[in-house]
Amino acid sequence: MATTHIPPASGTPATTAKGSPAPRRPWRVRGEDQRSAMGLAAPAMFLLSLFLIIPVILAFAMAFTNMRLISPNPPRFLGLDNFVRALFEDDVFRASLFNTFYFAAVVVPVQAGLGLILALLVNQKIKGRNIFRTIYFIPVVTSMVVVSILWRFMYQEDGLINSMISTITAGAVEGTAWLSNPATAMPAIMVLSIWQGVGFHMVIWLAGLQTIPQYLYEAAELDGTNRWQRFRYVTMPGLKPTMVFVLVTITIAAFALFVQIDVMTQGGPLDSTSTLVFYAVRKGYREQEMGYGAAISLIFFLLVLAVSLIQRYMTRDED
C-alpha cells in the first residue's frame, strides 16, 4: 500500500504516514560530511602547503633567475641559461650526475638483494631468529650522521678497516686511506650505505614474505617441486608488490645521497664523490647561487621522476 507523505511542521522533524522519521536528504548528509572532512584536513593541508608545495613552486620559479642568497641587486630572469650552464658548461655538475647514477646502479640491486636474502634467512623457524632480526635492524635506527663519523675514522689509513686487512693477510696487504683516494672513496661510501640501510629493507621483504599463504607452498610440495622452484614460482610472484615498493624507495634514497658525502668527504677528493643533491646544496647555500642551485634541483627532480616511472612500468603487474 502506498504511504502518504505528511509535510513537517516548522521546527519538527519530517515524518511519514506511519509516524517514523523521514530519512535525511542525501545531499545534506554529503554536505555535512564534506565540511567535517575539510575541517579535519585543513591543518595538514596548511602545513603541507607551507613547508612543501610553496617551497617547491618557489624553487621552480628561482631556477629561471640569477637569484643569490644575499645580494643588493634584484633577481633577473635568465630563461634557460641555468640549465644550459649545468648540462653543457659545468664539469662538476656532469661529474655529480655520473656519481649519482654510479651510486644508484650499485646500491639499488645490492641492497635489495641482500635485504631479500636476510629476510629469507630470518623468516625460517629457527631458534633466536628475533635476535638476528634485531641485530640486522640496529644500524637503521642509528643516526646516519653518527654512522658516517664512525666509518670515517674506520676508513683512515691507520683505522680499523686497514688493521683488519693487515691482520687477516698477516701484513701482506696494506690498506689505503679509503676516503682520500678518488678510486676508493665512492665504493667506500657505497659499503657504508648498504650496511646502514639493508636492515630496513629486510623488514619490508619479511612483511611481504609473511603475506604469502602457506597452502601455496604445501600445494607446490605436493606437486613435487624443489626449493628453488618454490622460490621461483611461489615466493617471487607473491613478493611482486613488495619488490616494487622496495626498488622505488631504494632508488629515491640512492639518488638523494647527501649526508654521507657532507660528513665524510665534502664531495672530494677531486669531486669523485660529489652528487647532485650535494652539489645543489653547495651551489645554493655555500656559494649563494640560489637560482643555479634551484635549476640543479629541478633537473634532479625530473631525473628521479623519469627513473621512478620507468621502474614502475618495468615492474608493473601485467594481469
Protein backbone atom coordinates (compact mmCIF):
# COMPACT_ATOMS: atom_id res chain seq x y z
CA MET A 1 0.00 0.00 0.00
CA ALA A 2 1.35 3.45 -0.88
CA THR A 3 2.31 5.77 2.01
CA THR A 4 1.28 9.39 2.24
CA HIS A 5 3.98 11.95 2.99
CA ILE A 6 2.94 14.44 5.68
CA PRO A 7 4.76 17.80 5.48
CA PRO A 8 6.55 18.52 8.78
CA ALA A 9 5.53 21.40 10.96
CA SER A 10 8.05 24.17 11.44
CA GLY A 11 10.82 23.10 13.88
CA THR A 12 9.82 19.38 13.91
CA PRO A 13 11.49 16.51 12.03
CA ALA A 14 9.78 15.13 8.92
CA THR A 15 7.63 12.00 9.43
CA THR A 16 5.84 9.50 7.18
CA ALA A 17 2.23 8.40 7.47
CA LYS A 18 3.31 5.58 9.82
CA GLY A 19 4.92 8.07 12.21
CA SER A 20 8.54 7.07 11.59
CA PRO A 21 11.12 9.84 10.96
CA ALA A 22 11.69 10.60 7.32
CA PRO A 23 15.21 9.81 6.02
CA ARG A 24 17.60 12.77 5.76
CA ARG A 25 18.22 14.12 2.32
CA PRO A 26 21.42 12.63 0.84
CA TRP A 27 22.73 15.97 -0.41
CA ARG A 28 22.51 17.40 3.09
CA VAL A 29 24.43 14.47 4.58
CA ARG A 30 27.11 14.74 1.94
CA GLY A 31 27.48 18.45 2.59
CA GLU A 32 27.95 17.94 6.34
CA ASP A 33 30.45 15.13 5.74
CA GLN A 34 32.42 17.26 3.33
CA ARG A 35 32.58 20.16 5.78
CA SER A 36 33.75 17.82 8.55
CA ALA A 37 36.36 16.28 6.26
CA MET A 38 37.63 19.70 5.20
CA GLY A 39 37.86 20.81 8.83
CA LEU A 40 39.90 17.74 9.77
CA ALA A 41 42.18 18.01 6.75
CA ALA A 42 42.72 21.78 6.99
CA PRO A 43 45.68 21.75 9.48
CA ALA A 44 47.53 19.11 7.49
CA MET A 45 46.82 20.90 4.21
CA PHE A 46 48.08 24.18 5.66
CA LEU A 47 51.35 22.65 6.87
CA LEU A 48 51.77 20.72 3.62
CA SER A 49 51.32 23.89 1.60
CA LEU A 50 53.60 25.96 3.86
CA PHE A 51 56.54 23.56 4.01
CA LEU A 52 56.26 21.57 0.76
CA ILE A 53 54.09 22.96 -2.03
CA ILE A 54 55.05 26.65 -1.73
CA PRO A 55 58.83 25.95 -1.43
CA VAL A 56 58.66 23.67 -4.48
CA ILE A 57 56.87 26.33 -6.52
CA LEU A 58 59.38 28.98 -5.40
CA ALA A 59 62.30 26.68 -6.28
CA PHE A 60 60.86 26.13 -9.76
CA ALA A 61 60.50 29.90 -10.22
CA MET A 62 64.03 30.63 -8.92
CA ALA A 63 65.53 28.10 -11.36
CA PHE A 64 64.93 30.60 -14.18
CA THR A 65 66.61 33.56 -12.43
CA ASN A 66 70.08 34.61 -11.25
CA MET A 67 68.87 34.98 -7.65
CA ARG A 68 71.59 34.96 -4.98
CA LEU A 69 71.12 34.25 -1.29
CA ILE A 70 72.45 37.67 -0.25
CA SER A 71 72.63 40.35 -2.91
CA PRO A 72 71.76 44.06 -3.15
CA ASN A 73 70.54 43.52 -6.73
CA PRO A 74 67.06 42.18 -7.51
CA PRO A 75 66.83 38.77 -9.26
CA ARG A 76 66.87 38.85 -13.06
CA PHE A 77 65.04 36.42 -15.36
CA LEU A 78 67.55 34.27 -17.30
CA GLY A 79 65.29 31.86 -19.14
CA LEU A 80 67.06 28.50 -19.67
CA ASP A 81 70.60 29.83 -19.06
CA ASN A 82 70.98 27.96 -15.76
CA PHE A 83 70.01 24.67 -17.39
CA VAL A 84 72.34 25.23 -20.37
CA ARG A 85 75.18 26.06 -17.98
CA ALA A 86 74.56 22.90 -15.93
CA LEU A 87 74.20 20.48 -18.82
CA PHE A 88 76.85 21.80 -21.23
CA GLU A 89 79.33 24.03 -19.38
CA ASP A 90 79.71 22.73 -15.82
CA ASP A 91 82.14 19.81 -15.47
CA VAL A 92 81.40 19.40 -11.76
CA PHE A 93 77.68 19.03 -12.50
CA ARG A 94 78.37 16.27 -15.04
CA ALA A 95 80.71 14.54 -12.57
CA SER A 96 78.00 14.79 -9.89
CA LEU A 97 75.42 13.36 -12.31
CA PHE A 98 77.71 10.42 -13.13
CA ASN A 99 78.47 9.78 -9.45
CA THR A 100 74.76 9.81 -8.60
CA PHE A 101 73.91 7.20 -11.25
CA TYR A 102 77.02 5.18 -10.36
CA PHE A 103 75.98 5.07 -6.70
CA ALA A 104 72.36 4.14 -7.54
CA ALA A 105 73.37 1.47 -10.09
CA VAL A 106 75.41 -0.36 -7.44
CA VAL A 107 73.46 0.28 -4.25
CA VAL A 108 69.92 -0.43 -5.50
CA PRO A 109 70.40 -4.06 -6.64
CA VAL A 110 72.91 -4.96 -3.92
CA GLN A 111 70.87 -3.52 -1.05
CA ALA A 112 67.60 -5.01 -2.36
CA GLY A 113 69.21 -8.42 -2.91
CA LEU A 114 70.92 -8.54 0.48
CA GLY A 115 67.70 -7.42 2.17
CA LEU A 116 65.81 -10.27 0.48
CA ILE A 117 68.45 -12.85 1.46
CA LEU A 118 68.39 -11.69 5.08
CA ALA A 119 64.58 -11.73 5.09
CA LEU A 120 64.55 -15.32 3.78
CA LEU A 121 67.03 -16.33 6.49
CA VAL A 122 65.23 -14.71 9.43
CA ASN A 123 61.88 -15.99 8.14
CA GLN A 124 62.97 -19.55 8.90
CA LYS A 125 61.64 -21.23 12.02
CA ILE A 126 64.94 -21.26 13.86
CA LYS A 127 65.77 -20.59 17.48
CA GLY A 128 66.80 -17.00 18.24
CA ARG A 129 65.60 -15.52 14.95
CA ASN A 130 64.29 -12.42 16.74
CA ILE A 131 67.84 -11.73 17.94
CA PHE A 132 69.12 -11.80 14.35
CA ARG A 133 66.28 -9.52 13.22
CA THR A 134 67.23 -7.02 15.94
CA ILE A 135 70.94 -7.15 15.12
CA TYR A 136 70.33 -6.54 11.42
CA PHE A 137 67.94 -3.67 12.16
CA ILE A 138 70.14 -1.80 14.68
CA PRO A 139 72.06 0.26 12.03
CA VAL A 140 68.73 1.59 10.69
CA VAL A 141 67.82 3.27 13.97
CA THR A 142 71.29 4.80 14.30
CA SER A 143 71.70 8.35 13.03
CA MET A 144 73.35 8.50 9.62
CA VAL A 145 75.50 11.40 10.84
CA VAL A 146 76.83 9.31 13.72
CA VAL A 147 77.38 6.31 11.47
CA SER A 148 79.23 8.45 8.93
CA ILE A 149 81.55 9.91 11.56
CA LEU A 150 82.38 6.46 12.93
CA TRP A 151 83.05 5.00 9.48
CA ARG A 152 85.19 7.99 8.58
CA PHE A 153 87.54 7.04 11.40
CA MET A 154 87.39 3.38 10.37
CA TYR A 155 88.39 4.28 6.80
CA GLN A 156 91.52 6.21 7.82
CA GLU A 157 94.93 4.84 6.86
CA ASP A 158 95.51 3.67 10.44
CA GLY A 159 91.84 2.85 11.04
CA LEU A 160 90.03 -0.35 11.90
CA ILE A 161 89.46 -1.47 8.29
CA ASN A 162 93.14 -1.40 7.40
CA SER A 163 94.08 -3.04 10.70
CA MET A 164 91.71 -5.91 9.93
CA ILE A 165 93.12 -6.28 6.40
CA SER A 166 96.67 -6.30 7.73
CA THR A 167 95.79 -8.86 10.43
CA ILE A 168 93.92 -11.20 8.09
CA THR A 169 96.68 -11.15 5.45
CA ALA A 170 99.49 -11.30 8.04
CA GLY A 171 100.78 -7.93 6.85
CA ALA A 172 100.98 -8.94 3.18
CA VAL A 173 98.36 -6.37 2.14
CA GLU A 174 98.38 -2.80 3.34
CA GLY A 175 95.21 -0.74 3.08
CA THR A 176 94.92 2.79 1.84
CA ALA A 177 93.29 5.96 3.10
CA TRP A 178 89.98 4.97 1.57
CA LEU A 179 88.30 8.36 1.58
CA SER A 180 91.36 10.24 0.29
CA ASN A 181 91.75 8.12 -2.82
CA PRO A 182 89.47 9.07 -5.78
CA ALA A 183 89.31 5.42 -6.85
CA THR A 184 88.12 4.10 -3.48
CA ALA A 185 86.16 6.98 -1.94
CA MET A 186 82.80 6.28 -3.62
CA PRO A 187 82.97 2.46 -3.18
CA ALA A 188 83.74 3.04 0.49
CA ILE A 189 80.61 5.19 0.84
CA MET A 190 78.59 2.54 -1.01
CA VAL A 191 79.62 -0.12 1.51
CA LEU A 192 78.60 2.12 4.40
CA SER A 193 75.25 3.00 2.79
CA ILE A 194 74.37 -0.62 2.01
CA TRP A 195 75.25 -1.73 5.54
CA GLN A 196 73.19 1.05 7.11
CA GLY A 197 70.02 0.59 5.02
CA VAL A 198 69.82 -3.15 4.40
CA GLY A 199 68.05 -3.86 7.71
CA PHE A 200 65.12 -1.60 6.83
CA HIS A 201 64.52 -3.35 3.53
CA MET A 202 64.94 -6.73 5.21
CA VAL A 203 61.90 -5.85 7.35
CA ILE A 204 59.89 -4.83 4.26
CA TRP A 205 60.76 -8.06 2.46
CA LEU A 206 59.94 -10.02 5.62
CA ALA A 207 56.48 -8.42 5.82
CA GLY A 208 55.92 -9.38 2.18
CA LEU A 209 57.02 -12.98 2.79
CA GLN A 210 54.57 -13.37 5.65
CA THR A 211 51.62 -12.37 3.45
CA ILE A 212 52.15 -15.37 1.12
CA PRO A 213 49.65 -18.11 2.08
CA GLN A 214 51.30 -21.25 3.43
CA TYR A 215 48.95 -23.51 1.48
CA LEU A 216 50.61 -22.39 -1.75
CA TYR A 217 53.91 -23.87 -0.55
CA GLU A 218 52.13 -27.05 0.58
CA ALA A 219 50.44 -27.40 -2.81
CA ALA A 220 53.78 -26.85 -4.57
CA GLU A 221 55.40 -29.55 -2.40
CA LEU A 222 52.62 -31.97 -3.32
CA ASP A 223 53.43 -31.24 -6.97
CA GLY A 224 56.99 -32.38 -6.34
CA THR A 225 58.75 -29.01 -6.70
CA ASN A 226 62.17 -28.39 -5.22
CA ARG A 227 63.22 -25.42 -3.07
CA TRP A 228 64.36 -23.28 -6.00
CA GLN A 229 61.12 -23.90 -7.94
CA ARG A 230 59.03 -22.89 -4.91
CA PHE A 231 61.05 -19.71 -4.63
CA ARG A 232 60.77 -19.03 -8.37
CA TYR A 233 57.06 -19.77 -8.84
CA VAL A 234 55.53 -19.06 -5.41
CA THR A 235 57.72 -16.67 -3.45
CA MET A 236 58.74 -14.21 -6.18
CA PRO A 237 55.22 -13.73 -7.66
CA GLY A 238 53.90 -13.22 -4.14
CA LEU A 239 56.59 -10.61 -3.48
CA LYS A 240 55.96 -8.54 -6.61
CA PRO A 241 54.11 -5.65 -4.89
CA THR A 242 56.79 -5.61 -2.18
CA MET A 243 59.54 -5.60 -4.81
CA VAL A 244 58.05 -2.53 -6.50
CA PHE A 245 57.95 -0.67 -3.18
CA VAL A 246 61.49 -1.70 -2.20
CA LEU A 247 63.02 -0.80 -5.55
CA VAL A 248 61.31 2.59 -5.74
CA THR A 249 62.25 3.56 -2.15
CA ILE A 250 65.88 2.43 -2.52
CA THR A 251 66.21 4.26 -5.83
CA ILE A 252 64.87 7.52 -4.43
CA ALA A 253 67.09 7.21 -1.34
CA ALA A 254 70.13 6.44 -3.52
CA PHE A 255 69.53 9.47 -5.75
CA ALA A 256 69.11 11.66 -2.66
CA LEU A 257 72.56 10.75 -1.29
CA PHE A 258 73.79 13.70 0.78
CA VAL A 259 74.57 13.10 4.47
CA GLN A 260 77.39 10.61 3.94
CA ILE A 261 79.03 12.90 1.39
CA ASP A 262 78.64 16.00 3.53
CA VAL A 263 80.08 14.36 6.65
CA MET A 264 82.79 12.14 5.16
CA THR A 265 84.25 13.74 2.02
CA GLN A 266 82.63 17.09 1.20
CA GLY A 267 82.41 15.90 -2.40
CA GLY A 268 86.15 15.16 -2.70
CA PRO A 269 88.70 14.06 -3.49
CA LEU A 270 88.66 15.76 -6.92
CA ASP A 271 84.82 15.74 -6.96
CA SER A 272 84.85 11.93 -7.09
CA THR A 273 82.04 11.71 -4.51
CA SER A 274 80.06 14.84 -5.38
CA THR A 275 76.38 14.02 -6.07
CA LEU A 276 73.53 16.08 -7.50
CA VAL A 277 71.91 16.83 -4.13
CA PHE A 278 75.25 17.72 -2.52
CA TYR A 279 76.17 19.92 -5.48
CA ALA A 280 72.79 21.70 -5.43
CA VAL A 281 73.21 22.48 -1.72
CA ARG A 282 76.80 23.57 -2.27
CA LYS A 283 75.88 25.99 -5.06
CA GLY A 284 72.67 27.23 -3.46
CA TYR A 285 73.78 27.84 0.12
CA ARG A 286 77.57 27.68 0.43
CA GLU A 287 78.25 29.64 -2.77
CA GLN A 288 74.93 31.55 -2.52
CA GLU A 289 73.86 30.89 -6.13
CA MET A 290 70.23 30.16 -5.26
CA GLY A 291 68.99 30.33 -8.85
CA TYR A 292 71.61 27.89 -10.15
CA GLY A 293 71.09 25.57 -7.18
CA ALA A 294 67.35 25.57 -7.84
CA ALA A 295 67.97 24.69 -11.50
CA ILE A 296 70.09 21.70 -10.43
CA SER A 297 67.31 20.65 -8.04
CA LEU A 298 64.74 20.87 -10.85
CA ILE A 299 66.91 18.69 -13.10
CA PHE A 300 67.31 16.23 -10.23
CA PHE A 301 63.52 16.16 -9.70
CA LEU A 302 62.87 15.38 -13.35
CA LEU A 303 65.50 12.63 -13.36
CA VAL A 304 64.07 10.93 -10.28
CA LEU A 305 60.54 11.21 -11.70
CA ALA A 306 61.61 9.67 -15.02
CA VAL A 307 63.54 6.82 -13.38
CA SER A 308 60.66 6.06 -10.99
CA LEU A 309 58.13 5.97 -13.86
CA ILE A 310 60.38 3.69 -15.93
CA GLN A 311 60.95 1.44 -12.94
CA ARG A 312 57.24 1.33 -12.19
CA TYR A 313 56.46 0.48 -15.83
CA MET A 314 59.03 -2.34 -15.92
CA THR A 315 57.72 -3.89 -12.69
CA ARG A 316 54.02 -3.40 -13.47
CA ASP A 317 51.53 -6.19 -12.92
CA GLU A 318 50.57 -7.37 -16.43
CA ASP A 319 47.45 -9.05 -15.09
